[in-house]
Amino acid sequence: MFWKNDGYFLLELLLSLSALFMLSMFFLPLLIDLANQSQQLIRDKRAKQFLFEELQANLIEDRINTQYAITLNETEYKIYWRLTSVSGQKEVCVKVEENTLLPSFEDCAIPE
């Protein structure tokens, strides 16, 4: 068959490019948000890991008065002990300061 292209090629090209642009404008913010949530989950998981490592280290030796920071992948995890107001026990806390994309995070636990 012979194809007749009477100027429709440019019109079809513009239509397909505009459809592609509109789809990318819809999916790009979703992908950015998904990447931010993934980063936040990774950071929170590492903070909980440091929290439980500190609790295990406290079982082996007395580490109630220690306070230090760990930097991992340009994220600073501050580990410190504080006195709880309710029971008067000491609890260990891990705090991560907020950065440009992620909010701050703090998690605490009381040793058993």
PDB file of N, CA and C in Angstrom:
ATOM      1  N   MET A   1       0.830  -1.172   0.000  1.00  0.00           N
ATOM      2  CA  MET A   1       0.000   0.000   0.000  1.00  0.00           C
ATOM      3  C   MET A   1       0.879   1.241   0.000  1.00  0.00           C
ATOM      4  N   PHE A   2       0.357   2.229  -0.633  1.00  0.00           N
ATOM      5  CA  PHE A   2       1.045   3.510  -0.639  1.00  0.00           C
ATOM      6  C   PHE A   2       0.482   4.380   0.482  1.00  0.00           C
ATOM      7  N   TRP A   3       1.395   4.997   1.213  1.00  0.00           N
ATOM      8  CA  TRP A   3       0.989   5.871   2.314  1.00  0.00           C
ATOM      9  C   TRP A   3       0.870   7.294   1.806  1.00  0.00           C
ATOM     10  N   LYS A   4      -0.168   7.952   2.204  1.00  0.00           N
ATOM     11  CA  LYS A   4      -0.320   9.365   1.879  1.00  0.00           C
ATOM     12  C   LYS A   4      -0.121  10.161   3.156  1.00  0.00           C
ATOM     13  N   ASN A   5       0.908  10.905   3.201  1.00  0.00           N
ATOM     14  CA  ASN A   5       1.178  11.778   4.335  1.00  0.00           C
ATOM     15  C   ASN A   5       0.941  13.206   3.888  1.00  0.00           C
ATOM     16  N   ASP A   6      -0.236  13.692   4.168  1.00  0.00           N
ATOM     17  CA  ASP A   6      -0.591  15.047   3.759  1.00  0.00           C
ATOM     18  C   ASP A   6      -0.418  16.029   4.916  1.00  0.00           C
ATOM     19  N   GLY A   7       0.740  15.982   5.563  1.00  0.00           N
ATOM     20  CA  GLY A   7       1.012  16.930   6.639  1.00  0.00           C
ATOM     21  C   GLY A   7       0.544  16.472   8.007  1.00  0.00           C
ATOM     22  N   TYR A   8       0.053  15.261   8.116  1.00  0.00           N
ATOM     23  CA  TYR A   8      -0.425  14.777   9.410  1.00  0.00           C
ATOM     24  C   TYR A   8       0.703  14.271  10.307  1.00  0.00           C
ATOM     25  N   PHE A   9       1.859  14.061   9.774  1.00  0.00           N
ATOM     26  CA  PHE A   9       2.969  13.539  10.557  1.00  0.00           C
ATOM     27  C   PHE A   9       3.338  14.499  11.677  1.00  0.00           C
ATOM     28  N   LEU A  10       3.451  15.781  11.377  1.00  0.00           N
ATOM     29  CA  LEU A  10       3.811  16.771  12.388  1.00  0.00           C
ATOM     30  C   LEU A  10       2.709  16.900  13.436  1.00  0.00           C
ATOM     31  N   LEU A  11       1.467  16.855  13.015  1.00  0.00           N
ATOM     32  CA  LEU A  11       0.344  16.948  13.943  1.00  0.00           C
ATOM     33  C   LEU A  11       0.300  15.738  14.876  1.00  0.00           C
ATOM     34  N   GLU A  12       0.513  14.551  14.340  1.00  0.00           N
ATOM     35  CA  GLU A  12       0.531  13.348  15.171  1.00  0.00           C
ATOM     36  C   GLU A  12       1.714  13.359  16.130  1.00  0.00           C
ATOM     37  N   LEU A  13       2.844  13.867  15.675  1.00  0.00           N
ATOM     38  CA  LEU A  13       4.019  13.969  16.525  1.00  0.00           C
ATOM     39  C   LEU A  13       3.769  14.927  17.684  1.00  0.00           C
ATOM     40  N   LEU A  14       3.176  16.071  17.410  1.00  0.00           N
ATOM     41  CA  LEU A  14       2.873  17.027  18.473  1.00  0.00           C
ATOM     42  C   LEU A  14       1.850  16.467  19.454  1.00  0.00           C
ATOM     43  N   LEU A  15       0.876  15.736  18.950  1.00  0.00           N
ATOM     44  CA  LEU A  15      -0.127  15.138  19.819  1.00  0.00           C
ATOM     45  C   LEU A  15       0.493  14.087  20.738  1.00  0.00           C
ATOM     46  N   SER A  16       1.348  13.243  20.199  1.00  0.00           N
ATOM     47  CA  SER A  16       1.975  12.211  21.026  1.00  0.00           C
ATOM     48  C   SER A  16       2.954  12.827  22.026  1.00  0.00           C
ATOM     49  N   LEU A  17       3.680  13.865  21.625  1.00  0.00           N
ATOM     50  CA  LEU A  17       4.588  14.530  22.563  1.00  0.00           C
ATOM     51  C   LEU A  17       3.826  15.239  23.676  1.00  0.00           C
ATOM     52  N   SER A  18       2.704  15.850  23.354  1.00  0.00           N
ATOM     53  CA  SER A  18       1.919  16.512  24.403  1.00  0.00           C
ATOM     54  C   SER A  18       1.313  15.486  25.358  1.00  0.00           C
ATOM     55  N   ALA A  19       0.891  14.337  24.848  1.00  0.00           N
ATOM     56  CA  ALA A  19       0.372  13.281  25.721  1.00  0.00           C
ATOM     57  C   ALA A  19       1.479  12.743  26.624  1.00  0.00           C
ATOM     58  N   LEU A  20       2.666  12.571  26.073  1.00  0.00           N
ATOM     59  CA  LEU A  20       3.804  12.120  26.867  1.00  0.00           C
ATOM     60  C   LEU A  20       4.166  13.144  27.936  1.00  0.00           C
ATOM     61  N   PHE A  21       4.135  14.414  27.591  1.00  0.00           N
ATOM     62  CA  PHE A  21       4.428  15.480  28.548  1.00  0.00           C
ATOM     63  C   PHE A  21       3.398  15.503  29.676  1.00  0.00           C
ATOM     64  N   MET A  22       2.122  15.341  29.350  1.00  0.00           N
ATOM     65  CA  MET A  22       1.082  15.351  30.378  1.00  0.00           C
ATOM     66  C   MET A  22       1.201  14.139  31.298  1.00  0.00           C
ATOM     67  N   LEU A  23       1.541  12.986  30.747  1.00  0.00           N
ATOM     68  CA  LEU A  23       1.754  11.811  31.585  1.00  0.00           C
ATOM     69  C   LEU A  23       2.959  11.989  32.503  1.00  0.00           C
ATOM     70  N   SER A  24       4.027  12.565  31.977  1.00  0.00           N
ATOM     71  CA  SER A  24       5.209  12.780  32.818  1.00  0.00           C
ATOM     72  C   SER A  24       4.935  13.814  33.904  1.00  0.00           C
ATOM     73  N   MET A  25       4.106  14.813  33.618  1.00  0.00           N
ATOM     74  CA  MET A  25       3.753  15.799  34.642  1.00  0.00           C
ATOM     75  C   MET A  25       2.893  15.169  35.741  1.00  0.00           C
ATOM     76  N   PHE A  26       2.201  14.095  35.434  1.00  0.00           N
ATOM     77  CA  PHE A  26       1.408  13.393  36.441  1.00  0.00           C
ATOM     78  C   PHE A  26       2.276  12.447  37.264  1.00  0.00           C
ATOM     79  N   PHE A  27       3.157  11.692  36.607  1.00  0.00           N
ATOM     80  CA  PHE A  27       3.924  10.668  37.303  1.00  0.00           C
ATOM     81  C   PHE A  27       5.194  11.186  37.966  1.00  0.00           C
ATOM     82  N   LEU A  28       5.761  12.270  37.520  1.00  0.00           N
ATOM     83  CA  LEU A  28       7.005  12.774  38.099  1.00  0.00           C
ATOM     84  C   LEU A  28       6.856  13.159  39.569  1.00  0.00           C
ATOM     85  N   PRO A  29       5.840  13.908  39.984  1.00  0.00           N
ATOM     86  CA  PRO A  29       5.699  14.185  41.424  1.00  0.00           C
ATOM     87  C   PRO A  29       5.469  12.925  42.261  1.00  0.00           C
ATOM     88  N   LEU A  30       4.767  11.951  41.688  1.00  0.00           N
ATOM     89  CA  LEU A  30       4.568  10.697  42.414  1.00  0.00           C
ATOM     90  C   LEU A  30       5.889   9.962  42.622  1.00  0.00           C
ATOM     91  N   LEU A  31       6.736   9.959  41.617  1.00  0.00           N
ATOM     92  CA  LEU A  31       8.035   9.305  41.742  1.00  0.00           C
ATOM     93  C   LEU A  31       8.935  10.032  42.734  1.00  0.00           C
ATOM     94  N   ILE A  32       8.880  11.356  42.741  1.00  0.00           N
ATOM     95  CA  ILE A  32       9.680  12.128  43.698  1.00  0.00           C
ATOM     96  C   ILE A  32       9.213  11.849  45.122  1.00  0.00           C
ATOM     97  N   ASP A  33       7.903  11.806  45.338  1.00  0.00           N
ATOM     98  CA  ASP A  33       7.366  11.511  46.662  1.00  0.00           C
ATOM     99  C   ASP A  33       7.715  10.093  47.091  1.00  0.00           C
ATOM    100  N   LEU A  34       7.674   9.156  46.173  1.00  0.00           N
ATOM    101  CA  LEU A  34       8.044   7.781  46.480  1.00  0.00           C
ATOM    102  C   LEU A  34       9.515   7.683  46.881  1.00  0.00           C
ATOM    103  N   ALA A  35      10.380   8.418  46.198  1.00  0.00           N
ATOM    104  CA  ALA A  35      11.797   8.416  46.550  1.00  0.00           C
ATOM    105  C   ALA A  35      12.018   9.023  47.935  1.00  0.00           C
ATOM    106  N   ASN A  36      11.290  10.096  48.267  1.00  0.00           N
ATOM    107  CA  ASN A  36      11.419  10.707  49.593  1.00  0.00           C
ATOM    108  C   ASN A  36      10.941   9.758  50.690  1.00  0.00           C
ATOM    109  N   GLN A  37       9.841   9.060  50.446  1.00  0.00           N
ATOM    110  CA  GLN A  37       9.348   8.105  51.435  1.00  0.00           C
ATOM    111  C   GLN A  37      10.329   6.956  51.627  1.00  0.00           C
ATOM    112  N   SER A  38      10.952   6.533  50.562  1.00  0.00           N
ATOM    113  CA  SER A  38      11.951   5.475  50.653  1.00  0.00           C
ATOM    114  C   SER A  38      13.146   5.926  51.485  1.00  0.00           C
ATOM    115  N   GLN A  39      13.611   7.149  51.252  1.00  0.00           N
ATOM    116  CA  GLN A  39      14.727   7.692  52.041  1.00  0.00           C
ATOM    117  C   GLN A  39      14.349   7.788  53.519  1.00  0.00           C
ATOM    118  N   GLN A  40      13.122   8.211  53.797  1.00  0.00           N
ATOM    119  CA  GLN A  40      12.675   8.348  55.180  1.00  0.00           C
ATOM    120  C   GLN A  40      12.585   6.983  55.866  1.00  0.00           C
ATOM    121  N   LEU A  41      12.095   5.976  55.169  1.00  0.00           N
ATOM    122  CA  LEU A  41      12.024   4.638  55.749  1.00  0.00           C
ATOM    123  C   LEU A  41      13.410   4.075  56.039  1.00  0.00           C
ATOM    124  N   ILE A  42      14.352   4.307  55.144  1.00  0.00           N
ATOM    125  CA  ILE A  42      15.722   3.836  55.358  1.00  0.00           C
ATOM    126  C   ILE A  42      16.327   4.526  56.569  1.00  0.00           C
ATOM    127  N   ARG A  43      16.115   5.842  56.682  1.00  0.00           N
ATOM    128  CA  ARG A  43      16.667   6.602  57.808  1.00  0.00           C
ATOM    129  C   ARG A  43      16.033   6.161  59.126  1.00  0.00           C
ATOM    130  N   ASP A  44      14.730   5.951  59.152  1.00  0.00           N
ATOM    131  CA  ASP A  44      14.052   5.523  60.374  1.00  0.00           C
ATOM    132  C   ASP A  44      14.467   4.110  60.780  1.00  0.00           C
ATOM    133  N   LYS A  45      14.675   3.251  59.804  1.00  0.00           N
ATOM    134  CA  LYS A  45      15.115   1.883  60.091  1.00  0.00           C
ATOM    135  C   LYS A  45      16.511   1.881  60.711  1.00  0.00           C
ATOM    136  N   ARG A  46      17.404   2.711  60.182  1.00  0.00           N
ATOM    137  CA  ARG A  46      18.753   2.785  60.754  1.00  0.00           C
ATOM    138  C   ARG A  46      18.723   3.375  62.160  1.00  0.00           C
ATOM    139  N   ALA A  47      17.851   4.351  62.394  1.00  0.00           N
ATOM    140  CA  ALA A  47      17.737   4.941  63.730  1.00  0.00           C
ATOM    141  C   ALA A  47      17.266   3.892  64.734  1.00  0.00           C
ATOM    142  N   LYS A  48      16.294   3.088  64.362  1.00  0.00           N
ATOM    143  CA  LYS A  48      15.824   2.023  65.254  1.00  0.00           C
ATOM    144  C   LYS A  48      16.904   0.967  65.467  1.00  0.00           C
ATOM    145  N   GLN A  49      17.694   0.703  64.448  1.00  0.00           N
ATOM    146  CA  GLN A  49      18.787  -0.252  64.589  1.00  0.00           C
ATOM    147  C   GLN A  49      19.812   0.269  65.593  1.00  0.00           C
ATOM    148  N   PHE A  50      20.174   1.556  65.505  1.00  0.00           N
ATOM    149  CA  PHE A  50      21.106   2.139  66.468  1.00  0.00           C
ATOM    150  C   PHE A  50      20.509   2.140  67.878  1.00  0.00           C
ATOM    151  N   LEU A  51      19.210   2.344  67.982  1.00  0.00           N
ATOM    152  CA  LEU A  51      18.537   2.334  69.278  1.00  0.00           C
ATOM    153  C   LEU A  51      18.659   0.965  69.937  1.00  0.00           C
ATOM    154  N   PHE A  52      18.371  -0.087  69.207  1.00  0.00           N
ATOM    155  CA  PHE A  52      18.438  -1.421  69.785  1.00  0.00           C
ATOM    156  C   PHE A  52      19.875  -1.882  70.007  1.00  0.00           C
ATOM    157  N   GLU A  53      20.816  -1.419  69.204  1.00  0.00           N
ATOM    158  CA  GLU A  53      22.221  -1.722  69.469  1.00  0.00           C
ATOM    159  C   GLU A  53      22.668  -1.080  70.773  1.00  0.00           C
ATOM    160  N   GLU A  54      22.212   0.134  71.041  1.00  0.00           N
ATOM    161  CA  GLU A  54      22.555   0.809  72.290  1.00  0.00           C
ATOM    162  C   GLU A  54      21.909   0.099  73.479  1.00  0.00           C
ATOM    163  N   LEU A  55      20.690  -0.375  73.318  1.00  0.00           N
ATOM    164  CA  LEU A  55      20.042  -1.128  74.397  1.00  0.00           C
ATOM    165  C   LEU A  55      20.776  -2.437  74.680  1.00  0.00           C
ATOM    166  N   GLN A  56      21.246  -3.114  73.643  1.00  0.00           N
ATOM    167  CA  GLN A  56      22.007  -4.343  73.849  1.00  0.00           C
ATOM    168  C   GLN A  56      23.352  -4.056  74.494  1.00  0.00           C
ATOM    169  N   ALA A  57      23.998  -2.961  74.101  1.00  0.00           N
ATOM    170  CA  ALA A  57      25.277  -2.601  74.711  1.00  0.00           C
ATOM    171  C   ALA A  57      25.086  -2.235  76.175  1.00  0.00           C
ATOM    172  N   ASN A  58      23.937  -1.684  76.526  1.00  0.00           N
ATOM    173  CA  ASN A  58      23.665  -1.346  77.921  1.00  0.00           C
ATOM    174  C   ASN A  58      23.512  -2.600  78.770  1.00  0.00           C
ATOM    175  N   LEU A  59      23.038  -3.697  78.197  1.00  0.00           N
ATOM    176  CA  LEU A  59      22.937  -4.946  78.944  1.00  0.00           C
ATOM    177  C   LEU A  59      24.306  -5.504  79.291  1.00  0.00           C
ATOM    178  N   ILE A  60      25.277  -5.305  78.415  1.00  0.00           N
ATOM    179  CA  ILE A  60      26.620  -5.841  78.629  1.00  0.00           C
ATOM    180  C   ILE A  60      27.410  -4.958  79.586  1.00  0.00           C
ATOM    181  N   GLU A  61      27.350  -3.659  79.391  1.00  0.00           N
ATOM    182  CA  GLU A  61      28.095  -2.717  80.230  1.00  0.00           C
ATOM    183  C   GLU A  61      27.205  -1.519  80.535  1.00  0.00           C
ATOM    184  N   ASP A  62      27.562  -0.786  81.570  1.00  0.00           N
ATOM    185  CA  ASP A  62      26.764   0.374  81.974  1.00  0.00           C
ATOM    186  C   ASP A  62      27.063   1.543  81.043  1.00  0.00           C
ATOM    187  N   ARG A  63      26.090   1.907  80.224  1.00  0.00           N
ATOM    188  CA  ARG A  63      26.282   2.997  79.260  1.00  0.00           C
ATOM    189  C   ARG A  63      25.230   4.080  79.441  1.00  0.00           C
ATOM    190  N   ILE A  64      24.704   4.220  80.643  1.00  0.00           N
ATOM    191  CA  ILE A  64      23.581   5.130  80.861  1.00  0.00           C
ATOM    192  C   ILE A  64      23.988   6.590  80.704  1.00  0.00           C
ATOM    193  N   ASN A  65      25.215   6.934  80.965  1.00  0.00           N
ATOM    194  CA  ASN A  65      25.632   8.335  80.902  1.00  0.00           C
ATOM    195  C   ASN A  65      26.354   8.693  79.612  1.00  0.00           C
ATOM    196  N   THR A  66      26.268   7.871  78.614  1.00  0.00           N
ATOM    197  CA  THR A  66      26.951   8.174  77.357  1.00  0.00           C
ATOM    198  C   THR A  66      26.057   8.994  76.440  1.00  0.00           C
ATOM    199  N   GLN A  67      26.711   9.788  75.637  1.00  0.00           N
ATOM    200  CA  GLN A  67      26.014  10.605  74.638  1.00  0.00           C
ATOM    201  C   GLN A  67      26.978  10.784  73.471  1.00  0.00           C
ATOM    202  N   TYR A  68      26.569  10.360  72.303  1.00  0.00           N
ATOM    203  CA  TYR A  68      27.444  10.460  71.140  1.00  0.00           C
ATOM    204  C   TYR A  68      26.618  10.547  69.869  1.00  0.00           C
ATOM    205  N   ALA A  69      27.300  10.766  68.764  1.00  0.00           N
ATOM    206  CA  ALA A  69      26.636  10.889  67.462  1.00  0.00           C
ATOM    207  C   ALA A  69      27.344   9.988  66.458  1.00  0.00           C
ATOM    208  N   ILE A  70      26.567   9.417  65.581  1.00  0.00           N
ATOM    209  CA  ILE A  70      27.081   8.578  64.500  1.00  0.00           C
ATOM    210  C   ILE A  70      26.669   9.224  63.186  1.00  0.00           C
ATOM    211  N   THR A  71      27.627   9.376  62.283  1.00  0.00           N
ATOM    212  CA  THR A  71      27.331   9.926  60.964  1.00  0.00           C
ATOM    213  C   THR A  71      27.423   8.799  59.943  1.00  0.00           C
ATOM    214  N   LEU A  72      26.335   8.598  59.227  1.00  0.00           N
ATOM    215  CA  LEU A  72      26.272   7.548  58.222  1.00  0.00           C
ATOM    216  C   LEU A  72      25.574   8.112  56.997  1.00  0.00           C
ATOM    217  N   ASN A  73      26.264   8.103  55.871  1.00  0.00           N
ATOM    218  CA  ASN A  73      25.731   8.647  54.611  1.00  0.00           C
ATOM    219  C   ASN A  73      25.253  10.084  54.764  1.00  0.00           C
ATOM    220  N   GLU A  74      26.070  10.901  55.373  1.00  0.00           N
ATOM    221  CA  GLU A  74      25.812  12.329  55.589  1.00  0.00           C
ATOM    222  C   GLU A  74      24.573  12.587  56.447  1.00  0.00           C
ATOM    223  N   THR A  75      24.159  11.600  57.238  1.00  0.00           N
ATOM    224  CA  THR A  75      23.054  11.758  58.174  1.00  0.00           C
ATOM    225  C   THR A  75      23.597  11.525  59.573  1.00  0.00           C
ATOM    226  N   GLU A  76      23.344  12.470  60.469  1.00  0.00           N
ATOM    227  CA  GLU A  76      23.858  12.368  61.827  1.00  0.00           C
ATOM    228  C   GLU A  76      22.772  11.824  62.749  1.00  0.00           C
ATOM    229  N   TYR A  77      23.096  10.716  63.411  1.00  0.00           N
ATOM    230  CA  TYR A  77      22.204  10.084  64.371  1.00  0.00           C
ATOM    231  C   TYR A  77      22.749  10.391  65.761  1.00  0.00           C
ATOM    232  N   LYS A  78      21.995  11.150  66.565  1.00  0.00           N
ATOM    233  CA  LYS A  78      22.411  11.498  67.924  1.00  0.00           C
ATOM    234  C   LYS A  78      21.800  10.495  68.894  1.00  0.00           C
ATOM    235  N   ILE A  79      22.661   9.844  69.663  1.00  0.00           N
ATOM    236  CA  ILE A  79      22.227   8.837  70.622  1.00  0.00           C
ATOM    237  C   ILE A  79      22.519   9.375  72.011  1.00  0.00           C
ATOM    238  N   TYR A  80      21.496   9.433  72.848  1.00  0.00           N
ATOM    239  CA  TYR A  80      21.670   9.983  74.191  1.00  0.00           C
ATOM    240  C   TYR A  80      20.690   9.320  75.152  1.00  0.00           C
ATOM    241  N   TRP A  81      21.015   9.421  76.440  1.00  0.00           N
ATOM    242  CA  TRP A  81      20.163   8.905  77.506  1.00  0.00           C
ATOM    243  C   TRP A  81      19.511  10.082  78.200  1.00  0.00           C
ATOM    244  N   ARG A  82      18.236   9.914  78.594  1.00  0.00           N
ATOM    245  CA  ARG A  82      17.548  10.964  79.344  1.00  0.00           C
ATOM    246  C   ARG A  82      16.642  10.329  80.389  1.00  0.00           C
ATOM    247  N   LEU A  83      16.289  11.127  81.372  1.00  0.00           N
ATOM    248  CA  LEU A  83      15.435  10.681  82.459  1.00  0.00           C
ATOM    249  C   LEU A  83      13.976  10.864  82.059  1.00  0.00           C
ATOM    250  N   THR A  84      13.174   9.818  82.208  1.00  0.00           N
ATOM    251  CA  THR A  84      11.754   9.934  81.873  1.00  0.00           C
ATOM    252  C   THR A  84      11.018  10.638  83.001  1.00  0.00           C
ATOM    253  N   SER A  85      10.019  11.396  82.648  1.00  0.00           N
ATOM    254  CA  SER A  85       9.278  12.151  83.656  1.00  0.00           C
ATOM    255  C   SER A  85       8.237  11.293  84.369  1.00  0.00           C
ATOM    256  N   VAL A  86       7.803  10.222  83.753  1.00  0.00           N
ATOM    257  CA  VAL A  86       6.725   9.412  84.327  1.00  0.00           C
ATOM    258  C   VAL A  86       7.253   8.454  85.390  1.00  0.00           C
ATOM    259  N   SER A  87       8.190   7.617  85.019  1.00  0.00           N
ATOM    260  CA  SER A  87       8.639   6.567  85.937  1.00  0.00           C
ATOM    261  C   SER A  87       9.976   6.876  86.597  1.00  0.00           C
ATOM    262  N   GLY A  88      10.657   7.887  86.163  1.00  0.00           N
ATOM    263  CA  GLY A  88      11.957   8.219  86.738  1.00  0.00           C
ATOM    264  C   GLY A  88      13.083   7.340  86.238  1.00  0.00           C
ATOM    265  N   GLN A  89      12.818   6.496  85.250  1.00  0.00           N
ATOM    266  CA  GLN A  89      13.858   5.647  84.680  1.00  0.00           C
ATOM    267  C   GLN A  89      14.592   6.393  83.581  1.00  0.00           C
ATOM    268  N   LYS A  90      15.760   5.864  83.257  1.00  0.00           N
ATOM    269  CA  LYS A  90      16.498   6.411  82.119  1.00  0.00           C
ATOM    270  C   LYS A  90      16.060   5.680  80.861  1.00  0.00           C
ATOM    271  N   GLU A  91      16.000   6.420  79.766  1.00  0.00           N
ATOM    272  CA  GLU A  91      15.676   5.824  78.477  1.00  0.00           C
ATOM    273  C   GLU A  91      16.684   6.307  77.449  1.00  0.00           C
ATOM    274  N   VAL A  92      16.914   5.476  76.453  1.00  0.00           N
ATOM    275  CA  VAL A  92      17.830   5.835  75.381  1.00  0.00           C
ATOM    276  C   VAL A  92      17.008   6.379  74.221  1.00  0.00           C
ATOM    277  N   CYS A  93      17.538   7.429  73.600  1.00  0.00           N
ATOM    278  CA  CYS A  93      16.852   8.064  72.479  1.00  0.00           C
ATOM    279  C   CYS A  93      17.811   8.213  71.308  1.00  0.00           C
ATOM    280  N   VAL A  94      17.271   8.094  70.129  1.00  0.00           N
ATOM    281  CA  VAL A  94      18.006   8.350  68.892  1.00  0.00           C
ATOM    282  C   VAL A  94      17.257   9.453  68.167  1.00  0.00           C
ATOM    283  N   LYS A  95      17.985  10.503  67.822  1.00  0.00           N
ATOM    284  CA  LYS A  95      17.360  11.645  67.161  1.00  0.00           C
ATOM    285  C   LYS A  95      18.095  11.936  65.862  1.00  0.00           C
ATOM    286  N   VAL A  96      17.307  12.213  64.835  1.00  0.00           N
ATOM    287  CA  VAL A  96      17.846  12.596  63.533  1.00  0.00           C
ATOM    288  C   VAL A  96      17.248  13.949  63.196  1.00  0.00           C
ATOM    289  N   GLU A  97      18.108  14.925  62.929  1.00  0.00           N
ATOM    290  CA  GLU A  97      17.630  16.266  62.600  1.00  0.00           C
ATOM    291  C   GLU A  97      17.045  16.276  61.193  1.00  0.00           C
ATOM    292  N   GLU A  98      16.169  17.222  60.954  1.00  0.00           N
ATOM    293  CA  GLU A  98      15.556  17.333  59.635  1.00  0.00           C
ATOM    294  C   GLU A  98      16.552  17.891  58.623  1.00  0.00           C
ATOM    295  N   ASN A  99      16.357  17.527  57.382  1.00  0.00           N
ATOM    296  CA  ASN A  99      17.137  18.112  56.297  1.00  0.00           C
ATOM    297  C   ASN A  99      16.172  18.709  55.286  1.00  0.00           C
ATOM    298  N   THR A 100      16.632  18.994  54.107  1.00  0.00           N
ATOM    299  CA  THR A 100      15.797  19.717  53.146  1.00  0.00           C
ATOM    300  C   THR A 100      14.571  18.931  52.706  1.00  0.00           C
ATOM    301  N   LEU A 101      14.658  17.615  52.672  1.00  0.00           N
ATOM    302  CA  LEU A 101      13.544  16.810  52.167  1.00  0.00           C
ATOM    303  C   LEU A 101      12.828  15.992  53.236  1.00  0.00           C
ATOM    304  N   LEU A 102      13.501  15.716  54.357  1.00  0.00           N
ATOM    305  CA  LEU A 102      12.942  14.799  55.343  1.00  0.00           C
ATOM    306  C   LEU A 102      12.728  15.494  56.684  1.00  0.00           C
ATOM    307  N   PRO A 103      11.646  15.173  57.391  1.00  0.00           N
ATOM    308  CA  PRO A 103      11.409  15.778  58.709  1.00  0.00           C
ATOM    309  C   PRO A 103      12.300  15.138  59.770  1.00  0.00           C
ATOM    310  N   SER A 104      12.347  15.752  60.946  1.00  0.00           N
ATOM    311  CA  SER A 104      13.150  15.190  62.030  1.00  0.00           C
ATOM    312  C   SER A 104      12.463  13.934  62.574  1.00  0.00           C
ATOM    313  N   PHE A 105      13.263  13.099  63.236  1.00  0.00           N
ATOM    314  CA  PHE A 105      12.763  11.829  63.756  1.00  0.00           C
ATOM    315  C   PHE A 105      13.427  11.569  65.092  1.00  0.00           C
ATOM    316  N   GLU A 106      12.638  11.146  66.068  1.00  0.00           N
ATOM    317  CA  GLU A 106      13.175  10.785  67.374  1.00  0.00           C
ATOM    318  C   GLU A 106      12.425   9.566  67.879  1.00  0.00           C
ATOM    319  N   ASP A 107      13.183   8.598  68.385  1.00  0.00           N
ATOM    320  CA  ASP A 107      12.592   7.388  68.932  1.00  0.00           C
ATOM    321  C   ASP A 107      13.302   7.068  70.235  1.00  0.00           C
ATOM    322  N   CYS A 108      12.543   6.678  71.247  1.00  0.00           N
ATOM    323  CA  CYS A 108      13.097   6.386  72.566  1.00  0.00           C
ATOM    324  C   CYS A 108      12.597   5.030  73.042  1.00  0.00           C
ATOM    325  N   ALA A 109      13.407   4.389  73.898  1.00  0.00           N
ATOM    326  CA  ALA A 109      13.020   3.107  74.476  1.00  0.00           C
ATOM    327  C   ALA A 109      13.661   2.978  75.852  1.00  0.00           C
ATOM    328  N   ILE A 110      12.959   2.296  76.745  1.00  0.00           N
ATOM    329  CA  ILE A 110      13.443   2.062  78.105  1.00  0.00           C
ATOM    330  C   ILE A 110      14.046   0.666  78.150  1.00  0.00           C
ATOM    331  N   PRO A 111      15.256   0.522  78.715  1.00  0.00           N
ATOM    332  CA  PRO A 111      15.837  -0.822  78.825  1.00  0.00           C
ATOM    333  C   PRO A 111      15.049  -1.666  79.822  1.00  0.00           C
ATOM    334  N   GLU A 112      14.958  -2.939  79.539  1.00  0.00           N
ATOM    335  CA  GLU A 112      14.197  -3.832  80.423  1.00  0.00           C
ATOM    336  C   GLU A 112      15.115  -4.559  81.363  1.00  0.00           C
TER     337      GLU A 112
END
